[in-house]
């Protein structure tokens, strides 16, 4: 019977290029969330009163996710 050792992914070491690539995608994701927050904030007054609570909820969710 053969037992394979399994290593956990968070214990893996990254070289410099992999580290920079992961950091780049984190920055891009943060900027996309920030753009969503800004867009929601700016267009908040364009939404009718019927959907205003949905816009406020979206703004809150994006702010928490950021």
Protein backbone atom coordinates (compact mmCIF):
# COMPACT_ATOMS: atom_id res chain seq x y z
CA UNK A 1 0.00 0.00 0.00
CA UNK A 2 1.37 3.37 -1.04
CA UNK A 3 0.67 6.54 0.92
CA UNK A 4 1.17 9.81 -0.92
CA UNK A 5 2.09 12.87 1.02
CA UNK A 6 -0.15 15.79 0.20
CA UNK A 7 1.14 19.30 0.69
CA UNK A 8 -1.19 22.16 1.41
CA UNK A 9 -1.29 24.95 -1.21
CA UNK A 10 -0.81 27.80 1.29
CA UNK A 11 2.54 26.32 2.30
CA UNK A 12 3.90 26.53 -1.25
CA UNK A 13 6.64 29.02 -1.92
CA UNK A 14 6.23 31.50 -4.76
CA UNK A 15 8.99 32.89 -6.88
CA UNK A 16 9.16 36.63 -7.56
CA UNK A 17 7.17 36.49 -10.82
CA UNK A 18 4.35 34.45 -9.27
CA UNK A 19 4.21 36.79 -6.28
CA UNK A 20 3.98 39.85 -8.52
CA UNK A 21 1.30 38.21 -10.68
CA UNK A 22 -0.85 37.38 -7.63
CA UNK A 23 -0.37 40.91 -6.26
CA UNK A 24 -1.29 42.39 -9.68
CA UNK A 25 -4.59 40.50 -9.78
CA UNK A 26 -5.41 41.54 -6.21
CA UNK A 27 -4.84 45.19 -7.16
CA UNK A 28 -6.96 44.83 -10.32
CA UNK A 29 -9.80 43.26 -8.30
CA UNK A 30 -9.61 46.02 -5.68
CA UNK A 31 -9.71 48.70 -8.39
CA UNK A 32 -12.73 47.00 -10.00
CA UNK A 33 -14.55 47.02 -6.65
CA UNK A 34 -13.58 50.66 -6.12
CA UNK A 35 -14.91 51.56 -9.59
CA UNK A 36 -18.17 49.79 -8.72
CA UNK A 37 -18.48 51.73 -5.46
CA UNK A 38 -17.80 55.04 -7.21
CA UNK A 39 -20.26 54.25 -10.02
CA UNK A 40 -22.95 53.24 -7.54
CA UNK A 41 -22.38 56.37 -5.47
CA UNK A 42 -22.50 58.69 -8.49
CA UNK A 43 -25.60 57.13 -10.08
CA UNK A 44 -27.49 56.76 -6.80
CA UNK A 45 -29.64 59.82 -7.52
CA UNK A 46 -30.62 58.54 -10.99
CA UNK A 47 -32.54 55.58 -9.58
CA UNK A 48 -36.21 55.88 -8.73
CA UNK A 49 -37.47 55.57 -5.18
CA UNK A 50 -38.71 52.05 -5.88
CA UNK A 51 -35.15 50.72 -6.35
CA UNK A 52 -33.28 53.05 -4.01
CA UNK A 53 -32.99 50.38 -1.28
CA UNK A 54 -31.38 48.00 -3.81
CA UNK A 55 -28.80 50.64 -4.72
CA UNK A 56 -28.06 51.29 -1.07
CA UNK A 57 -27.68 47.54 -0.47
CA UNK A 58 -25.35 47.26 -3.47
CA UNK A 59 -23.26 50.13 -2.21
CA UNK A 60 -23.00 48.52 1.20
CA UNK A 61 -22.06 45.11 -0.19
CA UNK A 62 -19.39 46.58 -2.46
CA UNK A 63 -17.95 48.63 0.38
CA UNK A 64 -17.77 45.57 2.64
CA UNK A 65 -16.24 43.47 -0.15
CA UNK A 66 -13.62 46.13 -0.79
